[in-house]
Amino acid sequence: RIFLKLENLQPAASFKSRGIGNLIRRALLTHSTPHLTHFYSSSGGNAGLACVTAAHTLGRPATVVVPMTTKPLMIAKIRNAGATDVIQTGASWAEADAYLREELLRKDKNGVYVPPFDHVDVWDGAATIVEELEEKPDAVVCSVGGGGLFCGVMRGLEKRGWGDVKVLALETKGAESLHKSLEKGELVKLEKITSICTSLGAIMVGAKAFEYGQKKSVRSVVLEDREAVMGCWRMADDERLLVEPACGVNVALCYDGQLKKLLPELTAESKVVIVVCGGAAVTLELLMEWREKFGLMERETTKDKEIPSTVATNGHVK
């Protein structure tokens, strides 16, 4: 029994609205001069969009620094949401973040730093995903970039007294900083991000996420880009929802018996929550481009007449 937690319907089109919205709200409640605050976010895209959306809603300015890997589509969306400025610099999020701290935040005494994932307020905001669940699930599936969502899910499960719930932490090859850290037994920094899932593009996962990843209830899973993209087009075919590959990687586990292979103890009555984390960097054109590039994945798909995405391609029966 699969339950989709549709975080793609949040104001900024991803789960980031929960954590970053919570951080900004709390910052305004505790700041000595909230009417003078200016929020600064470094982001691959979605965190920046969530920052601007929340700040603009609460009547405050926000500036976002994104790396050179961020697509023009996402930059336009951040500007359209009301950003004071969007600056593109650095080969990775880490370099964009360093620029924000050294060149912008240091020069603004009323500036408030909005970290994309590594902050307790961000985790507490994401934890509300679990607080909204009516029943205890048998497993939760979520993707991991820097670890904000993952930490939130783990904190939420702890608060509900559900610490024994299995959690599958999904990454893609070329962005698997958590997986490599767990393999080595210490935090590992990737040389660069090579995955198509740029929203998972943290070269080093947060320390708290690494701590949570070592729990017995957690299993780190790495899929290929083609599987993440497969999750995207099948989500579009089966549920009429557009999501980024960073989210599609979670959905991919719902097909071809992959969940059962990873968690053989699951039964027909087991409840599995898939966090559809969302992401604004997706269009129909991009989806078709990804599907064309990774189309061979369709040939490996198990046919099932009850699942639309296994019997039709672009509206034509296979």
C-alpha atoms as a PDB file:
ATOM      1  CA  ARG A   1       0.000   0.000   0.000  1.00  0.00           C
ATOM      2  CA  ILE A   2       1.759   3.082  -1.308  1.00  0.00           C
ATOM      3  CA  PHE A   3       0.969   6.524   0.079  1.00  0.00           C
ATOM      4  CA  LEU A   4       2.327   9.562  -1.755  1.00  0.00           C
ATOM      5  CA  LYS A   5       3.134  12.580   0.440  1.00  0.00           C
ATOM      6  CA  LEU A   6       2.723  15.333  -2.160  1.00  0.00           C
ATOM      7  CA  GLU A   7       5.266  17.940  -1.123  1.00  0.00           C
ATOM      8  CA  ASN A   8       5.307  19.119  -4.740  1.00  0.00           C
ATOM      9  CA  LEU A   9       2.102  20.997  -3.872  1.00  0.00           C
ATOM     10  CA  GLN A  10       3.830  23.259  -1.333  1.00  0.00           C
ATOM     11  CA  PRO A  11       3.965  27.039  -2.103  1.00  0.00           C
ATOM     12  CA  ALA A  12       7.472  26.782  -3.574  1.00  0.00           C
ATOM     13  CA  ALA A  13       6.732  23.435  -5.253  1.00  0.00           C
ATOM     14  CA  SER A  14       8.852  21.376  -2.852  1.00  0.00           C
ATOM     15  CA  PHE A  15       9.254  20.242   0.755  1.00  0.00           C
ATOM     16  CA  LYS A  16      11.716  23.122   1.181  1.00  0.00           C
ATOM     17  CA  SER A  17       8.772  25.407   1.994  1.00  0.00           C
ATOM     18  CA  ARG A  18       8.325  23.594   5.297  1.00  0.00           C
ATOM     19  CA  GLY A  19      11.830  23.859   6.694  1.00  0.00           C
ATOM     20  CA  ILE A  20      12.928  27.166   5.238  1.00  0.00           C
ATOM     21  CA  GLY A  21       9.539  28.714   5.874  1.00  0.00           C
ATOM     22  CA  ASN A  22       9.844  27.657   9.512  1.00  0.00           C
ATOM     23  CA  LEU A  23      13.368  29.102   9.772  1.00  0.00           C
ATOM     24  CA  ILE A  24      12.324  32.460   8.316  1.00  0.00           C
ATOM     25  CA  ARG A  25       9.238  32.649  10.519  1.00  0.00           C
ATOM     26  CA  ARG A  26      11.286  31.941  13.644  1.00  0.00           C
ATOM     27  CA  ALA A  27      13.991  34.415  12.590  1.00  0.00           C
ATOM     28  CA  LEU A  28      11.433  37.204  12.342  1.00  0.00           C
ATOM     29  CA  LEU A  29       9.969  36.306  15.739  1.00  0.00           C
ATOM     30  CA  THR A  30      13.356  36.413  17.469  1.00  0.00           C
ATOM     31  CA  HIS A  31      15.268  39.118  15.561  1.00  0.00           C
ATOM     32  CA  SER A  32      15.785  42.427  17.396  1.00  0.00           C
ATOM     33  CA  THR A  33      14.818  44.453  14.307  1.00  0.00           C
ATOM     34  CA  PRO A  34      12.648  42.151  12.163  1.00  0.00           C
ATOM     35  CA  HIS A  35      11.478  45.057   9.986  1.00  0.00           C
ATOM     36  CA  LEU A  36      15.072  45.566   8.772  1.00  0.00           C
ATOM     37  CA  THR A  37      15.965  41.949   8.023  1.00  0.00           C
ATOM     38  CA  HIS A  38      17.180  40.834   4.606  1.00  0.00           C
ATOM     39  CA  PHE A  39      17.340  37.091   3.998  1.00  0.00           C
ATOM     40  CA  TYR A  40      20.206  35.469   2.079  1.00  0.00           C
ATOM     41  CA  SER A  41      20.087  31.927   0.694  1.00  0.00           C
ATOM     42  CA  SER A  42      22.625  29.825  -1.173  1.00  0.00           C
ATOM     43  CA  SER A  43      20.957  27.118  -3.174  1.00  0.00           C
ATOM     44  CA  GLY A  44      20.982  24.839  -6.177  1.00  0.00           C
ATOM     45  CA  GLY A  45      17.516  26.239  -6.810  1.00  0.00           C
ATOM     46  CA  ASN A  46      14.661  24.855  -4.707  1.00  0.00           C
ATOM     47  CA  ALA A  47      15.886  26.170  -1.349  1.00  0.00           C
ATOM     48  CA  GLY A  48      16.359  29.600  -2.864  1.00  0.00           C
ATOM     49  CA  LEU A  49      12.858  29.542  -4.311  1.00  0.00           C
ATOM     50  CA  ALA A  50      11.457  28.515  -0.926  1.00  0.00           C
ATOM     51  CA  CYS A  51      13.403  31.314   0.784  1.00  0.00           C
ATOM     52  CA  VAL A  52      12.144  33.991  -1.581  1.00  0.00           C
ATOM     53  CA  THR A  53       8.572  32.656  -1.487  1.00  0.00           C
ATOM     54  CA  ALA A  54       8.468  32.691   2.331  1.00  0.00           C
ATOM     55  CA  ALA A  55      10.273  36.031   2.724  1.00  0.00           C
ATOM     56  CA  HIS A  56       8.126  37.734   0.094  1.00  0.00           C
ATOM     57  CA  THR A  57       4.956  36.381   1.729  1.00  0.00           C
ATOM     58  CA  LEU A  58       6.086  37.865   5.051  1.00  0.00           C
ATOM     59  CA  GLY A  59       7.059  41.183   3.484  1.00  0.00           C
ATOM     60  CA  ARG A  60      10.839  40.868   3.634  1.00  0.00           C
ATOM     61  CA  PRO A  61      13.511  41.000   0.884  1.00  0.00           C
ATOM     62  CA  ALA A  62      15.602  37.979  -0.084  1.00  0.00           C
ATOM     63  CA  THR A  63      18.718  37.501  -2.200  1.00  0.00           C
ATOM     64  CA  VAL A  64      19.764  34.109  -3.563  1.00  0.00           C
ATOM     65  CA  VAL A  65      23.155  32.881  -4.759  1.00  0.00           C
ATOM     66  CA  VAL A  66      23.062  29.838  -7.060  1.00  0.00           C
ATOM     67  CA  PRO A  67      25.912  27.836  -8.643  1.00  0.00           C
ATOM     68  CA  MET A  68      26.641  27.842 -12.360  1.00  0.00           C
ATOM     69  CA  THR A  69      24.887  24.464 -12.698  1.00  0.00           C
ATOM     70  CA  THR A  70      21.507  26.066 -11.957  1.00  0.00           C
ATOM     71  CA  LYS A  71      19.335  26.225 -15.073  1.00  0.00           C
ATOM     72  CA  PRO A  72      17.917  29.531 -16.426  1.00  0.00           C
ATOM     73  CA  LEU A  73      14.429  28.132 -15.776  1.00  0.00           C
ATOM     74  CA  MET A  74      15.010  27.990 -12.028  1.00  0.00           C
ATOM     75  CA  ILE A  75      16.707  31.391 -11.931  1.00  0.00           C
ATOM     76  CA  ALA A  76      13.697  32.891 -13.700  1.00  0.00           C
ATOM     77  CA  LYS A  77      11.339  31.241 -11.216  1.00  0.00           C
ATOM     78  CA  ILE A  78      13.296  32.638  -8.257  1.00  0.00           C
ATOM     79  CA  ARG A  79      13.248  36.133  -9.766  1.00  0.00           C
ATOM     80  CA  ASN A  80       9.537  35.844 -10.533  1.00  0.00           C
ATOM     81  CA  ALA A  81       8.833  34.848  -6.921  1.00  0.00           C
ATOM     82  CA  GLY A  82      10.101  38.271  -5.840  1.00  0.00           C
ATOM     83  CA  ALA A  83      13.848  37.931  -5.239  1.00  0.00           C
ATOM     84  CA  THR A  84      15.747  41.156  -4.654  1.00  0.00           C
ATOM     85  CA  ASP A  85      18.596  39.644  -6.649  1.00  0.00           C
ATOM     86  CA  VAL A  86      19.782  36.274  -7.965  1.00  0.00           C
ATOM     87  CA  ILE A  87      23.540  35.892  -8.331  1.00  0.00           C
ATOM     88  CA  GLN A  88      25.049  32.957 -10.208  1.00  0.00           C
ATOM     89  CA  THR A  89      28.590  31.983  -9.277  1.00  0.00           C
ATOM     90  CA  GLY A  90      30.677  28.934  -8.358  1.00  0.00           C
ATOM     91  CA  ALA A  91      30.939  25.419  -9.761  1.00  0.00           C
ATOM     92  CA  SER A  92      28.972  23.909  -6.860  1.00  0.00           C
ATOM     93  CA  TRP A  93      26.610  24.842  -4.051  1.00  0.00           C
ATOM     94  CA  ALA A  94      29.575  24.969  -1.659  1.00  0.00           C
ATOM     95  CA  GLU A  95      31.292  27.648  -3.761  1.00  0.00           C
ATOM     96  CA  ALA A  96      28.070  29.636  -4.124  1.00  0.00           C
ATOM     97  CA  ASP A  97      27.580  29.414  -0.364  1.00  0.00           C
ATOM     98  CA  ALA A  98      31.126  30.646   0.316  1.00  0.00           C
ATOM     99  CA  TYR A  99      30.525  33.670  -1.935  1.00  0.00           C
ATOM    100  CA  LEU A 100      27.274  34.486  -0.147  1.00  0.00           C
ATOM    101  CA  ARG A 101      28.897  34.373   3.277  1.00  0.00           C
ATOM    102  CA  GLU A 102      32.062  36.286   2.364  1.00  0.00           C
ATOM    103  CA  GLU A 103      30.832  38.841  -0.170  1.00  0.00           C
ATOM    104  CA  LEU A 104      27.217  39.532   0.794  1.00  0.00           C
ATOM    105  CA  LEU A 105      26.300  38.506   4.315  1.00  0.00           C
ATOM    106  CA  ARG A 106      29.417  39.984   5.881  1.00  0.00           C
ATOM    107  CA  LYS A 107      28.519  43.417   4.492  1.00  0.00           C
ATOM    108  CA  ASP A 108      24.891  43.481   5.690  1.00  0.00           C
ATOM    109  CA  LYS A 109      24.444  43.865   9.452  1.00  0.00           C
ATOM    110  CA  ASN A 110      20.745  43.067   9.083  1.00  0.00           C
ATOM    111  CA  GLY A 111      21.358  40.063   6.873  1.00  0.00           C
ATOM    112  CA  VAL A 112      20.013  36.682   7.977  1.00  0.00           C
ATOM    113  CA  TYR A 113      21.612  33.531   6.584  1.00  0.00           C
ATOM    114  CA  VAL A 114      19.186  30.871   5.364  1.00  0.00           C
ATOM    115  CA  PRO A 115      20.989  27.520   5.111  1.00  0.00           C
ATOM    116  CA  PRO A 116      19.400  25.146   2.586  1.00  0.00           C
ATOM    117  CA  PHE A 117      19.497  22.043   4.802  1.00  0.00           C
ATOM    118  CA  ASP A 118      21.813  22.091   7.825  1.00  0.00           C
ATOM    119  CA  HIS A 119      19.824  23.828  10.587  1.00  0.00           C
ATOM    120  CA  VAL A 120      17.542  22.604  13.353  1.00  0.00           C
ATOM    121  CA  ASP A 121      14.700  24.936  12.285  1.00  0.00           C
ATOM    122  CA  VAL A 122      14.860  23.453   8.783  1.00  0.00           C
ATOM    123  CA  TRP A 123      14.699  19.937  10.212  1.00  0.00           C
ATOM    124  CA  ASP A 124      11.802  20.809  12.521  1.00  0.00           C
ATOM    125  CA  GLY A 125       9.872  22.250   9.595  1.00  0.00           C
ATOM    126  CA  ALA A 126      10.430  19.119   7.531  1.00  0.00           C
ATOM    127  CA  ALA A 127       9.444  16.979  10.523  1.00  0.00           C
ATOM    128  CA  THR A 128       5.850  18.182  10.147  1.00  0.00           C
ATOM    129  CA  ILE A 129       5.600  15.808   7.179  1.00  0.00           C
ATOM    130  CA  VAL A 130       5.563  12.936   9.664  1.00  0.00           C
ATOM    131  CA  GLU A 131       3.385  14.789  12.162  1.00  0.00           C
ATOM    132  CA  GLU A 132       0.625  14.882   9.539  1.00  0.00           C
ATOM    133  CA  LEU A 133       0.525  11.103   9.092  1.00  0.00           C
ATOM    134  CA  GLU A 134      -2.621   9.592  10.594  1.00  0.00           C
ATOM    135  CA  GLU A 135      -1.175   6.115  11.086  1.00  0.00           C
ATOM    136  CA  LYS A 136       2.242   4.647  11.711  1.00  0.00           C
ATOM    137  CA  PRO A 137       3.818   3.550   8.419  1.00  0.00           C
ATOM    138  CA  ASP A 138       5.971   0.471   7.968  1.00  0.00           C
ATOM    139  CA  ALA A 139       8.490   2.388   5.880  1.00  0.00           C
ATOM    140  CA  VAL A 140       9.267   5.880   4.595  1.00  0.00           C
ATOM    141  CA  VAL A 141      11.156   6.630   1.390  1.00  0.00           C
ATOM    142  CA  CYS A 142      12.902   9.983   0.956  1.00  0.00           C
ATOM    143  CA  SER A 143      15.759  11.351  -1.127  1.00  0.00           C
ATOM    144  CA  VAL A 144      18.918  12.847   0.380  1.00  0.00           C
ATOM    145  CA  GLY A 145      20.901  15.820  -0.868  1.00  0.00           C
ATOM    146  CA  GLY A 146      22.383  17.746   2.025  1.00  0.00           C
ATOM    147  CA  GLY A 147      20.084  15.911   4.398  1.00  0.00           C
ATOM    148  CA  GLY A 148      17.477  18.474   5.467  1.00  0.00           C
ATOM    149  CA  LEU A 149      14.500  16.346   4.441  1.00  0.00           C
ATOM    150  CA  PHE A 150      16.070  13.159   5.774  1.00  0.00           C
ATOM    151  CA  CYS A 151      16.836  14.773   9.149  1.00  0.00           C
ATOM    152  CA  GLY A 152      13.305  16.122   9.293  1.00  0.00           C
ATOM    153  CA  VAL A 153      11.785  12.719   8.603  1.00  0.00           C
ATOM    154  CA  MET A 154      13.968  11.112  11.280  1.00  0.00           C
ATOM    155  CA  ARG A 155      13.130  13.812  13.844  1.00  0.00           C
ATOM    156  CA  GLY A 156       9.450  13.501  13.012  1.00  0.00           C
ATOM    157  CA  LEU A 157       9.526   9.741  13.518  1.00  0.00           C
ATOM    158  CA  GLU A 158      11.314  10.202  16.841  1.00  0.00           C
ATOM    159  CA  LYS A 159       8.710  12.718  18.031  1.00  0.00           C
ATOM    160  CA  ARG A 160       5.897  10.301  17.186  1.00  0.00           C
ATOM    161  CA  GLY A 161       7.634   7.430  18.966  1.00  0.00           C
ATOM    162  CA  TRP A 162       8.084   5.616  15.656  1.00  0.00           C
ATOM    163  CA  GLY A 163      11.832   5.190  15.762  1.00  0.00           C
ATOM    164  CA  ASP A 164      11.594   1.602  14.508  1.00  0.00           C
ATOM    165  CA  VAL A 165      10.039   2.596  11.169  1.00  0.00           C
ATOM    166  CA  LYS A 166      12.275   1.636   8.244  1.00  0.00           C
ATOM    167  CA  VAL A 167      13.643   4.595   6.288  1.00  0.00           C
ATOM    168  CA  LEU A 168      15.090   4.243   2.806  1.00  0.00           C
ATOM    169  CA  ALA A 169      17.457   7.146   2.087  1.00  0.00           C
ATOM    170  CA  LEU A 170      17.714   7.543  -1.692  1.00  0.00           C
ATOM    171  CA  GLU A 171      20.551   9.111  -3.669  1.00  0.00           C
ATOM    172  CA  THR A 172      21.733   8.891  -7.269  1.00  0.00           C
ATOM    173  CA  LYS A 173      25.133   7.777  -8.459  1.00  0.00           C
ATOM    174  CA  GLY A 174      27.273  10.873  -8.811  1.00  0.00           C
ATOM    175  CA  ALA A 175      25.594  12.628  -5.868  1.00  0.00           C
ATOM    176  CA  GLU A 176      25.809   9.917  -3.186  1.00  0.00           C
ATOM    177  CA  SER A 177      27.653  11.825  -0.453  1.00  0.00           C
ATOM    178  CA  LEU A 178      25.705  10.092   2.351  1.00  0.00           C
ATOM    179  CA  HIS A 179      26.263   6.613   0.943  1.00  0.00           C
ATOM    180  CA  LYS A 180      30.006   7.123   0.500  1.00  0.00           C
ATOM    181  CA  SER A 181      30.267   8.594   4.001  1.00  0.00           C
ATOM    182  CA  LEU A 182      28.514   5.578   5.500  1.00  0.00           C
ATOM    183  CA  GLU A 183      30.771   3.215   3.541  1.00  0.00           C
ATOM    184  CA  LYS A 184      33.903   4.928   4.844  1.00  0.00           C
ATOM    185  CA  GLY A 185      32.604   5.546   8.355  1.00  0.00           C
ATOM    186  CA  GLU A 186      33.280   9.276   8.215  1.00  0.00           C
ATOM    187  CA  LEU A 187      32.056  12.347   6.366  1.00  0.00           C
ATOM    188  CA  VAL A 188      33.245  12.224   2.760  1.00  0.00           C
ATOM    189  CA  LYS A 189      33.395  15.168   0.372  1.00  0.00           C
ATOM    190  CA  LEU A 190      32.708  14.383  -3.288  1.00  0.00           C
ATOM    191  CA  GLU A 191      35.056  15.912  -5.840  1.00  0.00           C
ATOM    192  CA  LYS A 192      32.097  17.055  -7.917  1.00  0.00           C
ATOM    193  CA  ILE A 193      28.473  16.286  -8.698  1.00  0.00           C
ATOM    194  CA  THR A 194      28.064  14.218 -11.866  1.00  0.00           C
ATOM    195  CA  SER A 195      24.410  13.174 -11.455  1.00  0.00           C
ATOM    196  CA  ILE A 196      21.556  14.746 -13.414  1.00  0.00           C
ATOM    197  CA  CYS A 197      19.899  15.261 -10.025  1.00  0.00           C
ATOM    198  CA  THR A 198      21.424  18.653  -9.300  1.00  0.00           C
ATOM    199  CA  SER A 199      18.911  19.231  -6.491  1.00  0.00           C
ATOM    200  CA  LEU A 200      20.745  16.460  -4.622  1.00  0.00           C
ATOM    201  CA  GLY A 201      24.040  18.186  -5.365  1.00  0.00           C
ATOM    202  CA  ALA A 202      25.641  18.606  -1.950  1.00  0.00           C
ATOM    203  CA  ILE A 203      29.260  17.462  -2.178  1.00  0.00           C
ATOM    204  CA  MET A 204      29.132  16.612   1.537  1.00  0.00           C
ATOM    205  CA  VAL A 205      26.085  15.624   3.526  1.00  0.00           C
ATOM    206  CA  GLY A 206      25.358  17.365   6.826  1.00  0.00           C
ATOM    207  CA  ALA A 207      26.807  15.921  10.032  1.00  0.00           C
ATOM    208  CA  LYS A 208      23.366  15.263  11.533  1.00  0.00           C
ATOM    209  CA  ALA A 209      22.262  13.399   8.423  1.00  0.00           C
ATOM    210  CA  PHE A 210      25.394  11.267   8.638  1.00  0.00           C
ATOM    211  CA  GLU A 211      24.556  10.528  12.287  1.00  0.00           C
ATOM    212  CA  TYR A 212      20.993   9.516  11.421  1.00  0.00           C
ATOM    213  CA  GLY A 213      22.223   7.443   8.491  1.00  0.00           C
ATOM    214  CA  GLN A 214      24.039   5.120  10.888  1.00  0.00           C
ATOM    215  CA  LYS A 215      20.836   4.073  12.657  1.00  0.00           C
ATOM    216  CA  LYS A 216      19.708   0.467  12.233  1.00  0.00           C
ATOM    217  CA  SER A 217      16.333   1.583  10.893  1.00  0.00           C
ATOM    218  CA  VAL A 218      17.966   3.400   7.958  1.00  0.00           C
ATOM    219  CA  ARG A 219      19.101   1.894   4.679  1.00  0.00           C
ATOM    220  CA  SER A 220      21.094   3.943   2.186  1.00  0.00           C
ATOM    221  CA  VAL A 221      20.126   3.216  -1.420  1.00  0.00           C
ATOM    222  CA  VAL A 222      21.819   4.496  -4.582  1.00  0.00           C
ATOM    223  CA  LEU A 223      20.106   4.366  -7.983  1.00  0.00           C
ATOM    224  CA  GLU A 224      21.272   5.461 -11.412  1.00  0.00           C
ATOM    225  CA  ASP A 225      20.130   8.643 -13.158  1.00  0.00           C
ATOM    226  CA  ARG A 226      18.152   6.596 -15.667  1.00  0.00           C
ATOM    227  CA  GLU A 227      16.113   5.070 -12.836  1.00  0.00           C
ATOM    228  CA  ALA A 228      15.420   8.512 -11.346  1.00  0.00           C
ATOM    229  CA  VAL A 229      14.247   9.760 -14.741  1.00  0.00           C
ATOM    230  CA  MET A 230      12.113   6.655 -15.158  1.00  0.00           C
ATOM    231  CA  GLY A 231      10.403   7.602 -11.899  1.00  0.00           C
ATOM    232  CA  CYS A 232       9.656  11.044 -13.356  1.00  0.00           C
ATOM    233  CA  TRP A 233       7.972   9.910 -16.554  1.00  0.00           C
ATOM    234  CA  ARG A 234       6.081   7.133 -14.822  1.00  0.00           C
ATOM    235  CA  MET A 235       4.834   9.642 -12.257  1.00  0.00           C
ATOM    236  CA  ALA A 236       3.607  11.785 -15.135  1.00  0.00           C
ATOM    237  CA  ASP A 237       1.924   8.861 -16.900  1.00  0.00           C
ATOM    238  CA  ASP A 238       0.385   7.256 -13.820  1.00  0.00           C
ATOM    239  CA  GLU A 239      -0.405  10.214 -11.550  1.00  0.00           C
ATOM    240  CA  ARG A 240      -0.325  13.225 -13.929  1.00  0.00           C
ATOM    241  CA  LEU A 241       2.339  14.928 -11.812  1.00  0.00           C
ATOM    242  CA  LEU A 242       5.601  16.523 -12.948  1.00  0.00           C
ATOM    243  CA  VAL A 243       8.577  16.088 -10.635  1.00  0.00           C
ATOM    244  CA  GLU A 244      12.347  16.505 -10.838  1.00  0.00           C
ATOM    245  CA  PRO A 245      14.683  13.484 -11.055  1.00  0.00           C
ATOM    246  CA  ALA A 246      15.714  14.207  -7.446  1.00  0.00           C
ATOM    247  CA  CYS A 247      12.128  13.284  -6.584  1.00  0.00           C
ATOM    248  CA  GLY A 248      11.686  10.648  -9.290  1.00  0.00           C
ATOM    249  CA  VAL A 249      14.372   8.562  -7.613  1.00  0.00           C
ATOM    250  CA  ASN A 250      11.925   7.929  -4.735  1.00  0.00           C
ATOM    251  CA  VAL A 251       9.065   7.036  -7.053  1.00  0.00           C
ATOM    252  CA  ALA A 252      11.272   4.585  -8.980  1.00  0.00           C
ATOM    253  CA  LEU A 253      11.186   2.191  -6.037  1.00  0.00           C
ATOM    254  CA  CYS A 254       7.437   1.733  -6.491  1.00  0.00           C
ATOM    255  CA  TYR A 255       7.922  -0.222  -9.722  1.00  0.00           C
ATOM    256  CA  ASP A 256       9.219  -3.623 -10.782  1.00  0.00           C
ATOM    257  CA  GLY A 257       9.229  -5.004  -7.247  1.00  0.00           C
ATOM    258  CA  GLN A 258      12.131  -2.861  -6.075  1.00  0.00           C
ATOM    259  CA  LEU A 259      10.587  -2.042  -2.694  1.00  0.00           C
ATOM    260  CA  LYS A 260      10.049  -5.727  -1.962  1.00  0.00           C
ATOM    261  CA  LYS A 261      13.650  -6.499  -2.865  1.00  0.00           C
ATOM    262  CA  LEU A 262      14.927  -3.878  -0.444  1.00  0.00           C
ATOM    263  CA  LEU A 263      12.409  -4.636   2.307  1.00  0.00           C
ATOM    264  CA  PRO A 264      11.376  -8.309   1.876  1.00  0.00           C
ATOM    265  CA  GLU A 265       9.408  -8.201   5.118  1.00  0.00           C
ATOM    266  CA  LEU A 266       6.750  -5.976   3.512  1.00  0.00           C
ATOM    267  CA  THR A 267       3.339  -7.550   2.925  1.00  0.00           C
ATOM    268  CA  ALA A 268       0.302  -6.572   0.855  1.00  0.00           C
ATOM    269  CA  GLU A 269      -1.029  -4.681   3.894  1.00  0.00           C
ATOM    270  CA  SER A 270       2.195  -2.817   4.706  1.00  0.00           C
ATOM    271  CA  LYS A 271       1.998   0.964   4.552  1.00  0.00           C
ATOM    272  CA  VAL A 272       4.841   2.723   2.732  1.00  0.00           C
ATOM    273  CA  VAL A 273       5.039   6.518   2.534  1.00  0.00           C
ATOM    274  CA  ILE A 274       6.866   7.938  -0.485  1.00  0.00           C
ATOM    275  CA  VAL A 275       7.878  11.545   0.081  1.00  0.00           C
ATOM    276  CA  VAL A 276       7.209  13.205  -3.269  1.00  0.00           C
ATOM    277  CA  CYS A 277       9.634  15.982  -2.403  1.00  0.00           C
ATOM    278  CA  GLY A 278       8.821  17.972  -5.540  1.00  0.00           C
ATOM    279  CA  GLY A 279      11.111  20.481  -7.195  1.00  0.00           C
ATOM    280  CA  ALA A 280      10.375  23.386  -9.502  1.00  0.00           C
ATOM    281  CA  ALA A 281      13.053  22.693 -12.128  1.00  0.00           C
ATOM    282  CA  VAL A 282      10.895  20.561 -14.399  1.00  0.00           C
ATOM    283  CA  THR A 283       8.828  21.167 -17.537  1.00  0.00           C
ATOM    284  CA  LEU A 284       7.158  18.932 -20.120  1.00  0.00           C
ATOM    285  CA  GLU A 285       9.997  19.732 -22.505  1.00  0.00           C
ATOM    286  CA  LEU A 286      12.616  18.642 -19.978  1.00  0.00           C
ATOM    287  CA  LEU A 287      10.681  15.491 -19.162  1.00  0.00           C
ATOM    288  CA  MET A 288      10.567  14.504 -22.818  1.00  0.00           C
ATOM    289  CA  GLU A 289      14.262  15.322 -23.192  1.00  0.00           C
ATOM    290  CA  TRP A 290      15.128  13.056 -20.249  1.00  0.00           C
ATOM    291  CA  ARG A 291      12.849  10.320 -21.534  1.00  0.00           C
ATOM    292  CA  GLU A 292      14.520  10.445 -24.935  1.00  0.00           C
ATOM    293  CA  LYS A 293      17.999  10.334 -23.410  1.00  0.00           C
ATOM    294  CA  PHE A 294      17.256   7.456 -21.047  1.00  0.00           C
ATOM    295  CA  GLY A 295      14.618   5.729 -23.182  1.00  0.00           C
ATOM    296  CA  LEU A 296      16.279   2.317 -23.029  1.00  0.00           C
ATOM    297  CA  MET A 297      14.996   2.062 -19.468  1.00  0.00           C
ATOM    298  CA  GLU A 298      11.497   1.510 -20.892  1.00  0.00           C
ATOM    299  CA  ARG A 299      12.566  -1.749 -22.507  1.00  0.00           C
ATOM    300  CA  GLU A 300      13.434  -3.139 -19.096  1.00  0.00           C
ATOM    301  CA  THR A 301      10.067  -2.215 -17.592  1.00  0.00           C
ATOM    302  CA  THR A 302       7.833  -5.057 -16.464  1.00  0.00           C
ATOM    303  CA  LYS A 303       4.546  -4.919 -18.382  1.00  0.00           C
ATOM    304  CA  ASP A 304       1.381  -4.631 -16.289  1.00  0.00           C
ATOM    305  CA  LYS A 305      -1.946  -3.880 -17.985  1.00  0.00           C
ATOM    306  CA  GLU A 306      -3.157  -2.095 -14.826  1.00  0.00           C
ATOM    307  CA  ILE A 307      -0.264   0.393 -14.821  1.00  0.00           C
ATOM    308  CA  PRO A 308      -0.556   3.027 -17.597  1.00  0.00           C
ATOM    309  CA  SER A 309       3.151   3.813 -17.788  1.00  0.00           C
ATOM    310  CA  THR A 310       4.015   0.230 -18.699  1.00  0.00           C
ATOM    311  CA  VAL A 311       1.697  -0.012 -21.688  1.00  0.00           C
ATOM    312  CA  ALA A 312       1.891   3.379 -23.363  1.00  0.00           C
ATOM    313  CA  THR A 313       4.650   5.692 -24.541  1.00  0.00           C
ATOM    314  CA  ASN A 314       3.741   9.248 -25.517  1.00  0.00           C
ATOM    315  CA  GLY A 315       0.145   8.148 -25.925  1.00  0.00           C
ATOM    316  CA  HIS A 316       0.910   5.220 -28.191  1.00  0.00           C
ATOM    317  CA  VAL A 317       0.484   1.594 -27.212  1.00  0.00           C
ATOM    318  CA  LYS A 318       3.774  -0.284 -27.153  1.00  0.00           C
END
